[in-house]
Amino acid sequence: MDLDRFLYQLQFQSERVIPADWKPAWDDAPLPFKLYQHLQVIPLDGDLPFSLNAASLASKKGLAKLGPLLWYTYGQTRYSETATPSQEGFGVETMQAFRRFVPSGGGLYPSELYIYLKMEDVPNGIYHYDAAHHRLLLIREGNYDAYLTRALGHRCDGSQAQGFLFVTTMFWKNFFKYNSFSYRLQGLDAGALLGQWQEISSRAKFSSTVYFQFLDRPINHLLGLDEQEESIYAVVPFTLHDHSSLEKNHVSSSEWSGNIPEVKNSHYQRSINVLDSPFIKKINQQAMFDSPEQFELLKHKEDDDRNMYPIQPLPEVEPLAYDLAEACRKRHSPELDFINQTIPLKQLALLLKETVQPFSADLYGKEDRSSLSIYGCFHGVEGLPDGAYRYDAHTHSLIEIGRGDFRLSLQKAMKVDNVNLHQVPICLHIAGERTHYKKTFGYRGYRIQQMEAGMLLQRLLLTASALGMNGHPLLGYDGKACDRMYQLEGSGETTLIQIPVGYYQPRSWLVGNMLT
């Protein structure tokens, strides 16, 4: 299979990227976290704030401030046990899981967090965030400001940053269950993690920019990664002040990757039989950048259809103020727990406006608003006729595509009936360029688009939680059928993920929060 066919099937024929006889070996499943062995341990304070805002973090410095940010971003936050009817037709089956505040396909968390720190209370160097034990492990010691500045193509001055966050993907952690379909999930999961970091770190007055474009091999080398099992997906410098931008200076990775020694570290992942993932490895290699000359900017698509469809203005709303920590604790993915309750139009307006707030990334230059679109099918929203709409962030309005109740069509397009969409008043779809930015970024464009969608998704989920609702991210739907609902065939867009949103009843599960 060529890579273009692989990406097409990921989007529209997901069943073809998973072998018909594929069965996950649950007895040999990997751990949902990476456990390094024999490294220097830097403990993080387990006395974590119950609220997360500037006031609760104002008196904290160094690791005392960083620890809560890492825990709220990607720490293990709860343990749950859920009972479901047995597939044999009698009795129940129970499933136990460690959860985090970010969603992950199947709860498998293929992303890992690394961090480069320059703080007085720890040695300068590269660390791994051990989510299982809420601690840092020293990968390599030293100052790597110049190294990272060059790896980012001199678009950021590493000496001005207090640190760098690195988001990687371990391929096997969800390949064992989803086979090659895991590639789509890995980008979305990494994006949700990035979106969570940006929301959490902003409460501590950190300024951070997400870099999707960098020289992959030097950064993998810096982190001590084996590219056959794990690779860098995003780099995020952060500081209490806006960091400087420098003029590009083209340096290819082959010129300086050997400037620092290789590190060899061992880690434990539990699986004995780790299977090969040839398509993921191949596309990961093809997606790598070797020179800053490959870095590009995306152009926003011009909206040329505003006058073709009826426009429904949305009420003006003030920015939503809420306790982010509480929204994180309340956020989960309802399945059959949604209840059919009317949504005030102002709630919908708040949800959409907060979701599309600009974020800082290296994709659009000075204009940081995403080029992704939000479409939705609405039923039972006060003051809004049932129908399919596109949200126009520029005018804060809905563009009507078609009237009517689309819930039955949406339900028929579901590949797995784990959500009753007749109980859901809001069914949103994040949509983006059908060719996944390939013209601009080559094969790297697919993972960039998925991460961008994941960032948008996480802000949507947190906003829904703050409004007393919740959303359930779904990929098990017929993409072509949903594209037809929104008349996307001729627009060059396609739906990337489906998110039912609404009120819900308490879930039947046992859950314990892991906050000390």
Protein backbone atom coordinates (compact mmCIF):
# COMPACT_ATOMS: atom_id res chain seq x y z
CA MET A 1 0.00 0.00 0.00
CA ASP A 2 1.31 3.47 -0.84
CA LEU A 3 1.10 6.18 1.79
CA ASP A 4 -1.57 8.23 -0.02
CA ARG A 5 -3.83 5.18 -0.06
CA PHE A 6 -3.01 4.58 3.61
CA LEU A 7 -4.10 8.11 4.58
CA TYR A 8 -7.27 7.85 2.48
CA GLN A 9 -8.22 4.63 4.23
CA LEU A 10 -7.47 6.10 7.65
CA GLN A 11 -10.04 8.78 6.87
CA PHE A 12 -12.75 6.95 4.93
CA GLN A 13 -12.15 3.18 5.12
CA SER A 14 -10.78 2.59 8.61
CA GLU A 15 -11.77 -1.06 8.58
CA ARG A 16 -9.22 -1.66 5.80
CA VAL A 17 -6.22 -0.59 7.86
CA ILE A 18 -7.04 -3.16 10.54
CA PRO A 19 -6.66 -6.82 9.47
CA ALA A 20 -9.93 -8.76 9.58
CA ASP A 21 -8.45 -11.33 11.96
CA TRP A 22 -6.82 -8.76 14.26
CA LYS A 23 -7.28 -9.47 17.97
CA PRO A 24 -5.49 -7.45 20.63
CA ALA A 25 -3.35 -9.57 22.94
CA TRP A 26 -4.69 -8.10 26.17
CA ASP A 27 -2.60 -10.44 28.30
CA ASP A 28 0.51 -8.95 26.69
CA ALA A 29 -0.68 -5.34 26.52
CA PRO A 30 1.84 -2.54 27.13
CA LEU A 31 1.57 -0.22 30.09
CA PRO A 32 -0.14 3.13 29.40
CA PHE A 33 2.98 4.90 30.71
CA LYS A 34 6.70 4.62 30.05
CA LEU A 35 8.82 3.45 32.98
CA TYR A 36 12.49 4.36 32.72
CA GLN A 37 14.94 2.40 34.83
CA HIS A 38 18.13 3.42 36.68
CA LEU A 39 17.81 7.20 36.19
CA GLN A 40 18.23 10.02 38.70
CA VAL A 41 14.87 10.83 40.26
CA ILE A 42 13.63 14.37 40.91
CA PRO A 43 10.49 14.09 43.09
CA LEU A 44 7.60 16.49 42.55
CA ASP A 45 5.42 17.77 45.35
CA GLY A 46 2.28 15.69 45.82
CA ASP A 47 0.50 18.51 47.65
CA LEU A 48 -1.43 19.68 44.61
CA PRO A 49 -3.81 22.67 44.52
CA PHE A 50 -7.51 21.83 44.34
CA SER A 51 -8.14 24.95 42.27
CA LEU A 52 -5.97 26.06 39.39
CA ASN A 53 -5.68 29.78 38.82
CA ALA A 54 -3.16 32.59 39.04
CA ALA A 55 -3.87 33.08 42.75
CA SER A 56 -3.28 29.45 43.69
CA LEU A 57 0.04 29.42 41.80
CA ALA A 58 1.26 32.96 42.54
CA SER A 59 3.42 32.03 45.53
CA LYS A 60 4.97 29.00 43.87
CA LYS A 61 8.24 29.00 41.97
CA GLY A 62 10.42 26.49 40.18
CA LEU A 63 9.39 22.87 40.62
CA ALA A 64 6.70 23.87 43.12
CA LYS A 65 4.91 25.64 40.26
CA LEU A 66 5.83 23.17 37.53
CA GLY A 67 4.67 20.08 39.43
CA PRO A 68 0.95 21.01 39.48
CA LEU A 69 1.11 22.04 35.81
CA LEU A 70 2.51 18.66 34.77
CA TRP A 71 0.04 16.74 36.93
CA TYR A 72 -2.99 18.63 35.64
CA THR A 73 -1.66 18.29 32.09
CA TYR A 74 -0.79 14.59 31.96
CA GLY A 75 -0.61 13.07 35.43
CA GLN A 76 -2.63 10.07 36.52
CA THR A 77 -5.61 11.69 38.13
CA ARG A 78 -8.16 8.98 38.87
CA TYR A 79 -8.78 5.27 39.03
CA SER A 80 -12.06 3.91 37.71
CA GLU A 81 -13.95 0.65 37.54
CA THR A 82 -16.83 0.31 35.08
CA ALA A 83 -19.28 -2.57 34.72
CA THR A 84 -20.71 -3.49 31.31
CA PRO A 85 -22.97 -6.34 30.15
CA SER A 86 -20.98 -9.44 29.27
CA GLN A 87 -20.58 -10.24 25.57
CA GLU A 88 -21.63 -13.82 26.37
CA GLY A 89 -25.11 -12.52 27.21
CA PHE A 90 -25.17 -13.04 30.95
CA GLY A 91 -23.51 -11.36 33.90
CA VAL A 92 -21.28 -8.32 33.71
CA GLU A 93 -17.69 -7.56 32.86
CA THR A 94 -15.67 -5.02 34.81
CA MET A 95 -12.94 -2.81 33.40
CA GLN A 96 -10.38 -1.06 35.57
CA ALA A 97 -8.35 1.88 34.28
CA PHE A 98 -6.10 4.71 35.34
CA ARG A 99 -7.36 7.95 33.85
CA ARG A 100 -5.93 11.37 33.06
CA PHE A 101 -7.64 14.67 32.43
CA VAL A 102 -7.03 14.45 28.67
CA PRO A 103 -9.02 12.02 26.50
CA SER A 104 -7.24 9.20 24.72
CA GLY A 105 -8.52 6.61 22.25
CA GLY A 106 -9.21 3.48 24.28
CA GLY A 107 -7.60 5.10 27.34
CA LEU A 108 -4.16 3.96 26.09
CA TYR A 109 -2.25 7.29 26.18
CA PRO A 110 0.39 6.76 23.46
CA SER A 111 1.93 10.22 24.10
CA GLU A 112 4.85 10.81 26.46
CA LEU A 113 6.07 14.08 27.99
CA TYR A 114 9.70 15.21 28.18
CA ILE A 115 10.90 18.56 29.42
CA TYR A 116 14.08 20.62 29.19
CA LEU A 117 14.52 22.63 32.37
CA LYS A 118 16.75 25.49 33.48
CA MET A 119 15.82 26.05 37.11
CA GLU A 120 17.82 26.76 40.23
CA ASP A 121 16.48 23.79 42.21
CA VAL A 122 17.34 21.09 39.62
CA PRO A 123 20.28 20.42 37.29
CA ASN A 124 19.88 21.87 33.79
CA GLY A 125 18.94 19.09 31.44
CA ILE A 126 16.40 16.86 29.70
CA TYR A 127 13.85 15.06 31.88
CA HIS A 128 11.07 12.55 31.35
CA TYR A 129 7.81 13.15 33.20
CA ASP A 130 7.00 9.88 34.93
CA ALA A 131 3.20 10.10 35.01
CA ALA A 132 2.87 6.87 37.00
CA HIS A 133 4.79 8.32 39.97
CA HIS A 134 4.47 12.10 39.38
CA ARG A 135 8.19 12.72 39.22
CA LEU A 136 10.96 13.72 36.82
CA LEU A 137 13.74 11.43 35.62
CA LEU A 138 16.98 12.94 34.34
CA ILE A 139 17.69 11.75 30.77
CA ARG A 140 20.77 13.89 30.17
CA GLU A 141 22.32 16.85 31.98
CA GLY A 142 23.53 20.05 30.33
CA ASN A 143 22.55 23.29 28.62
CA TYR A 144 20.98 22.78 25.19
CA ASP A 145 19.74 26.29 24.39
CA ALA A 146 21.79 26.61 21.19
CA TYR A 147 20.99 23.06 20.11
CA LEU A 148 17.24 23.61 20.39
CA THR A 149 17.43 27.05 18.81
CA ARG A 150 18.99 25.44 15.74
CA ALA A 151 16.55 22.51 15.75
CA LEU A 152 13.70 25.03 15.54
CA GLY A 153 15.32 26.83 12.63
CA HIS A 154 16.27 29.88 14.70
CA ARG A 155 12.61 30.90 15.02
CA CYS A 156 12.88 30.89 18.82
CA ASP A 157 15.76 31.90 21.07
CA GLY A 158 16.22 28.95 23.43
CA SER A 159 18.17 31.05 25.91
CA GLN A 160 15.06 33.19 26.53
CA ALA A 161 12.85 30.21 27.39
CA GLN A 162 12.55 28.83 30.91
CA GLY A 163 12.06 25.41 29.46
CA PHE A 164 10.86 23.30 26.56
CA LEU A 165 8.06 20.74 26.62
CA PHE A 166 8.35 17.80 24.19
CA VAL A 167 5.39 15.63 23.19
CA THR A 168 6.32 12.27 21.69
CA THR A 169 4.38 9.21 20.55
CA MET A 170 5.18 5.60 21.46
CA PHE A 171 3.79 3.61 18.54
CA TRP A 172 3.19 0.28 20.27
CA LYS A 173 1.12 1.71 23.13
CA ASN A 174 -2.02 1.81 21.01
CA PHE A 175 -0.93 -0.13 17.92
CA PHE A 176 -1.38 -3.30 19.96
CA LYS A 177 -5.14 -2.63 19.99
CA TYR A 178 -5.89 -0.57 16.86
CA ASN A 179 -3.17 -1.76 14.47
CA SER A 180 -2.41 0.88 11.80
CA PHE A 181 -5.54 2.88 12.64
CA SER A 182 -3.59 3.97 15.71
CA TYR A 183 -1.74 6.51 13.54
CA ARG A 184 -4.89 8.64 13.34
CA LEU A 185 -5.43 8.37 17.08
CA GLN A 186 -1.83 9.24 17.92
CA GLY A 187 -2.05 12.67 16.30
CA LEU A 188 -5.37 13.49 17.97
CA ASP A 189 -4.11 12.31 21.36
CA ALA A 190 -0.96 14.43 21.06
CA GLY A 191 -3.09 17.43 20.08
CA ALA A 192 -5.42 17.00 23.08
CA LEU A 193 -2.35 16.90 25.33
CA LEU A 194 -0.98 20.08 23.73
CA GLY A 195 -4.34 21.80 24.13
CA GLN A 196 -4.42 20.80 27.80
CA TRP A 197 -0.90 22.17 28.38
CA GLN A 198 -1.78 25.49 26.81
CA GLU A 199 -4.88 25.86 28.96
CA ILE A 200 -3.12 24.76 32.15
CA SER A 201 0.10 26.74 31.64
CA SER A 202 -1.81 29.92 30.83
CA ARG A 203 -3.20 29.84 34.38
CA ALA A 204 0.38 30.12 35.63
CA LYS A 205 1.02 33.09 33.29
CA PHE A 206 3.36 31.05 31.11
CA SER A 207 3.66 32.08 27.48
CA SER A 208 4.08 29.09 25.17
CA THR A 209 4.07 28.49 21.44
CA VAL A 210 3.52 25.08 19.87
CA TYR A 211 6.06 24.18 17.20
CA PHE A 212 4.93 21.47 14.81
CA GLN A 213 7.93 22.08 12.52
CA PHE A 214 11.46 21.26 13.64
CA LEU A 215 14.34 18.96 12.78
CA ASP A 216 13.09 15.60 14.04
CA ARG A 217 16.23 13.51 14.17
CA PRO A 218 18.32 15.91 16.27
CA ILE A 219 15.51 16.21 18.83
CA ASN A 220 14.97 12.45 18.92
CA HIS A 221 18.73 12.17 19.45
CA LEU A 222 18.60 14.74 22.26
CA LEU A 223 15.80 12.85 24.04
CA GLY A 224 17.52 9.49 23.55
CA LEU A 225 14.62 8.00 21.56
CA ASP A 226 14.66 4.91 19.35
CA GLU A 227 12.86 6.17 16.23
CA GLN A 228 11.57 2.67 15.52
CA GLU A 229 9.40 2.80 18.63
CA GLU A 230 8.94 6.47 19.58
CA SER A 231 9.29 9.85 17.88
CA ILE A 232 8.89 13.55 18.60
CA TYR A 233 5.58 15.17 17.54
CA ALA A 234 5.68 18.70 18.99
CA VAL A 235 8.04 21.11 20.77
CA VAL A 236 6.74 23.82 23.11
CA PRO A 237 9.10 26.48 24.51
CA PHE A 238 7.62 28.23 27.53
CA THR A 239 8.53 31.31 29.55
CA LEU A 240 6.99 33.93 31.78
CA HIS A 241 7.68 36.46 29.00
CA ASP A 242 7.24 36.32 25.25
CA HIS A 243 10.35 34.67 23.84
CA SER A 244 12.35 36.28 21.06
CA SER A 245 12.15 35.36 17.41
CA LEU A 246 15.36 35.20 15.42
CA GLU A 247 15.97 35.19 11.72
CA LYS A 248 16.17 31.75 10.12
CA ASN A 249 19.62 30.25 9.71
CA HIS A 250 19.51 27.11 7.60
CA VAL A 251 21.46 24.26 9.19
CA SER A 252 20.70 20.71 8.08
CA SER A 253 20.43 18.02 10.75
CA SER A 254 23.32 16.03 9.29
CA GLU A 255 25.75 18.86 10.08
CA TRP A 256 25.42 18.74 13.85
CA SER A 257 23.50 15.71 15.12
CA GLY A 258 26.73 14.25 16.46
CA ASN A 259 27.57 17.28 18.62
CA ILE A 260 26.22 15.61 21.73
CA PRO A 261 26.76 11.97 22.69
CA GLU A 262 24.11 9.31 22.31
CA VAL A 263 22.31 8.27 25.48
CA LYS A 264 21.27 4.70 26.12
CA ASN A 265 18.50 4.27 28.67
CA SER A 266 16.39 1.23 29.45
CA HIS A 267 12.67 1.28 30.07
CA TYR A 268 9.94 -1.22 30.90
CA GLN A 269 6.73 -1.53 28.90
CA ARG A 270 5.47 -5.00 30.00
CA SER A 271 4.76 -6.41 26.50
CA ILE A 272 6.89 -9.42 25.56
CA ASN A 273 5.82 -9.70 21.92
CA VAL A 274 6.01 -6.26 20.27
CA LEU A 275 4.74 -6.46 16.70
CA ASP A 276 6.02 -4.41 13.78
CA SER A 277 4.09 -1.35 12.59
CA PRO A 278 5.47 -0.90 9.04
CA PHE A 279 3.09 1.78 7.74
CA ILE A 280 3.43 3.93 10.86
CA LYS A 281 7.22 3.68 10.77
CA LYS A 282 7.30 4.43 7.05
CA ILE A 283 5.06 7.49 7.23
CA ASN A 284 6.88 8.73 10.33
CA GLN A 285 10.16 8.63 8.41
CA GLN A 286 8.60 10.37 5.41
CA ALA A 287 7.15 13.07 7.69
CA MET A 288 10.50 14.06 9.19
CA PHE A 289 12.10 17.39 8.35
CA ASP A 290 15.85 17.56 7.70
CA SER A 291 16.22 21.29 7.04
CA PRO A 292 14.50 24.54 8.07
CA GLU A 293 13.98 25.17 4.36
CA GLN A 294 11.08 22.72 4.66
CA PHE A 295 9.29 24.92 7.22
CA GLU A 296 6.22 26.66 5.76
CA LEU A 297 3.15 28.65 6.77
CA LEU A 298 -0.44 27.72 6.03
CA LYS A 299 -2.78 30.09 4.24
CA HIS A 300 -6.31 30.52 5.52
CA LYS A 301 -9.04 29.44 3.15
CA GLU A 302 -11.19 32.34 2.01
CA ASP A 303 -14.86 32.07 2.96
CA ASP A 304 -16.63 32.55 -0.35
CA ASP A 305 -20.02 31.08 0.59
CA ARG A 306 -21.25 33.44 3.33
CA ASN A 307 -23.91 34.93 1.08
CA MET A 308 -25.04 31.59 -0.36
CA TYR A 309 -26.78 30.36 2.79
CA PRO A 310 -29.01 31.90 5.48
CA ILE A 311 -27.09 33.30 8.43
CA GLN A 312 -28.19 32.91 12.06
CA PRO A 313 -26.48 35.48 14.32
CA LEU A 314 -25.49 34.22 17.76
CA PRO A 315 -25.86 36.29 20.93
CA GLU A 316 -22.77 38.19 22.03
CA VAL A 317 -21.18 36.64 25.09
CA GLU A 318 -18.51 37.66 27.57
CA PRO A 319 -15.37 35.50 27.95
CA LEU A 320 -16.11 32.49 30.11
CA ALA A 321 -14.49 32.57 33.55
CA TYR A 322 -14.31 29.23 35.37
CA ASP A 323 -12.14 27.07 37.63
CA LEU A 324 -10.11 25.01 35.18
CA ALA A 325 -9.30 22.37 37.79
CA GLU A 326 -13.00 21.78 38.45
CA ALA A 327 -13.74 21.56 34.73
CA CYS A 328 -10.94 18.98 34.41
CA ARG A 329 -12.37 16.87 37.23
CA LYS A 330 -15.88 16.93 35.78
CA ARG A 331 -14.79 16.17 32.22
CA HIS A 332 -15.43 12.64 31.00
CA SER A 333 -16.87 11.05 27.88
CA PRO A 334 -20.54 10.09 28.33
CA GLU A 335 -21.72 7.18 26.22
CA LEU A 336 -25.29 6.13 26.94
CA ASP A 337 -25.46 8.72 29.73
CA PHE A 338 -26.58 11.69 27.60
CA ILE A 339 -30.05 13.05 28.38
CA ASN A 340 -32.28 14.94 25.95
CA GLN A 341 -32.36 18.40 27.50
CA THR A 342 -32.86 21.73 25.76
CA ILE A 343 -29.76 23.89 25.35
CA PRO A 344 -30.05 27.70 25.66
CA LEU A 345 -28.73 29.47 22.56
CA LYS A 346 -26.34 31.46 24.77
CA GLN A 347 -24.76 28.19 25.95
CA LEU A 348 -24.13 27.17 22.35
CA ALA A 349 -22.71 30.62 21.57
CA LEU A 350 -20.31 30.39 24.52
CA LEU A 351 -19.24 26.88 23.58
CA LEU A 352 -18.39 27.82 20.00
CA LYS A 353 -16.73 31.16 20.72
CA GLU A 354 -14.50 29.80 23.49
CA THR A 355 -13.48 26.80 21.39
CA VAL A 356 -12.11 28.81 18.47
CA GLN A 357 -10.01 31.28 20.45
CA PRO A 358 -6.62 31.82 18.74
CA PHE A 359 -3.70 29.73 19.95
CA SER A 360 0.01 30.30 19.50
CA ALA A 361 1.63 27.94 16.99
CA ASP A 362 4.04 28.03 14.07
CA LEU A 363 1.42 27.42 11.39
CA TYR A 364 -0.16 30.76 10.47
CA GLY A 365 2.33 33.53 11.21
CA LYS A 366 0.83 36.46 13.10
CA GLU A 367 -2.72 35.12 12.63
CA ASP A 368 -2.98 32.22 15.08
CA ARG A 369 -6.62 31.31 14.48
CA SER A 370 -6.92 27.77 13.18
CA SER A 371 -8.02 27.16 9.60
CA LEU A 372 -10.08 24.19 10.79
CA SER A 373 -13.86 24.60 10.73
CA ILE A 374 -16.59 23.60 13.14
CA TYR A 375 -19.82 22.19 11.76
CA GLY A 376 -22.77 21.01 13.79
CA CYS A 377 -26.18 19.37 13.67
CA PHE A 378 -28.46 20.87 16.32
CA HIS A 379 -31.79 19.71 17.74
CA GLY A 380 -33.66 21.37 20.57
CA VAL A 381 -31.49 24.47 20.92
CA GLU A 382 -33.67 27.36 22.07
CA GLY A 383 -34.25 29.92 19.33
CA LEU A 384 -32.44 27.91 16.65
CA PRO A 385 -34.23 25.89 13.95
CA ASP A 386 -33.11 22.26 13.84
CA GLY A 387 -30.54 21.76 11.12
CA ALA A 388 -26.94 21.50 9.97
CA TYR A 389 -24.74 24.59 10.32
CA ARG A 390 -21.20 25.88 10.01
CA TYR A 391 -19.85 28.23 12.66
CA ASP A 392 -18.35 31.46 11.30
CA ALA A 393 -15.89 32.70 13.93
CA HIS A 394 -15.32 36.01 12.14
CA THR A 395 -18.96 37.11 12.49
CA HIS A 396 -19.86 34.87 15.46
CA SER A 397 -22.79 33.41 13.57
CA LEU A 398 -24.09 30.13 12.20
CA ILE A 399 -24.35 29.57 8.46
CA GLU A 400 -27.34 27.37 7.74
CA ILE A 401 -26.56 24.48 5.40
CA GLY A 402 -29.79 22.52 5.72
CA ARG A 403 -32.85 22.44 7.97
CA GLY A 404 -34.31 19.42 9.66
CA ASP A 405 -33.65 16.77 12.27
CA PHE A 406 -30.40 14.99 11.33
CA ARG A 407 -30.23 12.71 14.35
CA LEU A 408 -31.38 9.57 12.53
CA SER A 409 -28.91 10.17 9.70
CA LEU A 410 -26.11 10.69 12.22
CA GLN A 411 -27.07 7.52 14.08
CA LYS A 412 -27.08 5.49 10.86
CA ALA A 413 -23.59 6.83 10.09
CA MET A 414 -22.27 5.48 13.40
CA LYS A 415 -20.14 2.36 13.03
CA VAL A 416 -20.46 1.48 16.71
CA ASP A 417 -23.68 2.32 18.55
CA ASN A 418 -22.05 3.37 21.82
CA VAL A 419 -23.85 6.75 21.91
CA ASN A 420 -27.58 7.37 21.44
CA LEU A 421 -27.50 10.49 19.28
CA HIS A 422 -31.28 10.93 19.66
CA GLN A 423 -30.49 12.05 23.23
CA VAL A 424 -27.90 14.59 22.09
CA PRO A 425 -28.88 18.18 21.20
CA ILE A 426 -25.45 19.17 19.81
CA CYS A 427 -23.41 16.98 17.47
CA LEU A 428 -20.29 18.84 16.33
CA HIS A 429 -17.74 17.95 13.68
CA ILE A 430 -14.28 19.46 13.36
CA ALA A 431 -13.43 19.65 9.66
CA GLY A 432 -10.25 20.42 7.77
CA GLU A 433 -8.55 20.25 4.41
CA ARG A 434 -9.29 16.96 2.68
CA THR A 435 -5.68 16.51 1.54
CA HIS A 436 -4.36 17.05 5.09
CA TYR A 437 -1.97 19.92 4.27
CA LYS A 438 0.08 17.66 2.03
CA LYS A 439 0.74 20.42 -0.52
CA THR A 440 2.35 22.54 2.21
CA PHE A 441 3.96 20.00 4.54
CA GLY A 442 4.11 16.74 2.59
CA TYR A 443 3.28 13.68 4.69
CA ARG A 444 3.94 15.64 7.87
CA GLY A 445 0.73 17.54 7.14
CA TYR A 446 -1.49 14.65 8.27
CA ARG A 447 -0.14 14.50 11.79
CA ILE A 448 -0.08 18.31 12.04
CA GLN A 449 -3.75 18.48 11.08
CA GLN A 450 -4.69 15.76 13.55
CA MET A 451 -2.81 17.52 16.36
CA GLU A 452 -4.42 20.84 15.45
CA ALA A 453 -7.84 19.14 15.59
CA GLY A 454 -6.91 17.60 18.94
CA MET A 455 -6.04 21.01 20.39
CA LEU A 456 -9.37 22.41 19.23
CA LEU A 457 -11.13 19.34 20.60
CA GLN A 458 -9.64 19.71 24.07
CA ARG A 459 -10.68 23.34 24.39
CA LEU A 460 -14.18 22.34 23.27
CA LEU A 461 -14.36 19.55 25.88
CA LEU A 462 -13.13 21.77 28.72
CA THR A 463 -15.57 24.52 27.76
CA ALA A 464 -18.45 22.04 27.64
CA SER A 465 -17.48 20.77 31.09
CA ALA A 466 -17.33 24.33 32.46
CA LEU A 467 -20.88 24.87 31.11
CA GLY A 468 -22.21 21.80 32.95
CA MET A 469 -22.21 19.56 29.87
CA ASN A 470 -19.77 17.02 28.42
CA GLY A 471 -18.65 15.76 25.03
CA HIS A 472 -17.64 12.37 23.70
CA PRO A 473 -15.00 12.35 20.90
CA LEU A 474 -15.81 9.73 18.25
CA LEU A 475 -14.05 8.39 15.18
CA GLY A 476 -16.38 5.45 14.59
CA TYR A 477 -18.58 7.18 12.04
CA ASP A 478 -18.99 7.22 8.25
CA GLY A 479 -16.93 10.22 7.16
CA LYS A 480 -18.40 10.34 3.66
CA ALA A 481 -21.97 10.37 5.00
CA CYS A 482 -21.20 13.25 7.36
CA ASP A 483 -19.41 15.15 4.60
CA ARG A 484 -22.60 14.89 2.53
CA MET A 485 -24.68 16.32 5.40
CA TYR A 486 -22.56 19.46 5.35
CA GLN A 487 -22.15 19.52 1.55
CA LEU A 488 -18.36 19.30 1.84
CA GLU A 489 -17.73 17.34 -1.38
CA GLY A 490 -16.90 20.46 -3.36
CA SER A 491 -15.33 22.53 -0.60
CA GLY A 492 -12.10 20.57 -0.26
CA GLU A 493 -12.88 19.77 3.39
CA THR A 494 -13.68 16.62 5.30
CA THR A 495 -14.85 15.89 8.84
CA LEU A 496 -11.98 14.85 11.12
CA ILE A 497 -13.76 13.96 14.36
CA GLN A 498 -17.32 13.86 15.71
CA ILE A 499 -18.21 15.19 19.17
CA PRO A 500 -21.72 14.76 20.61
CA VAL A 501 -22.22 17.37 23.36
CA GLY A 502 -24.99 17.72 25.90
CA TYR A 503 -26.19 17.28 29.44
CA TYR A 504 -25.85 13.86 31.03
CA GLN A 505 -26.80 11.74 34.00
CA PRO A 506 -24.19 10.37 36.43
CA ARG A 507 -22.27 7.43 35.02
CA SER A 508 -22.52 4.02 36.66
CA TRP A 509 -18.91 3.58 37.76
CA LEU A 510 -16.67 3.59 40.75
CA VAL A 511 -14.07 6.30 40.51
CA GLY A 512 -11.45 7.54 42.93
CA ASN A 513 -9.59 10.83 42.46
CA MET A 514 -5.83 10.54 42.90
CA LEU A 515 -5.20 13.94 44.49
CA THR A 516 -3.08 13.92 47.62
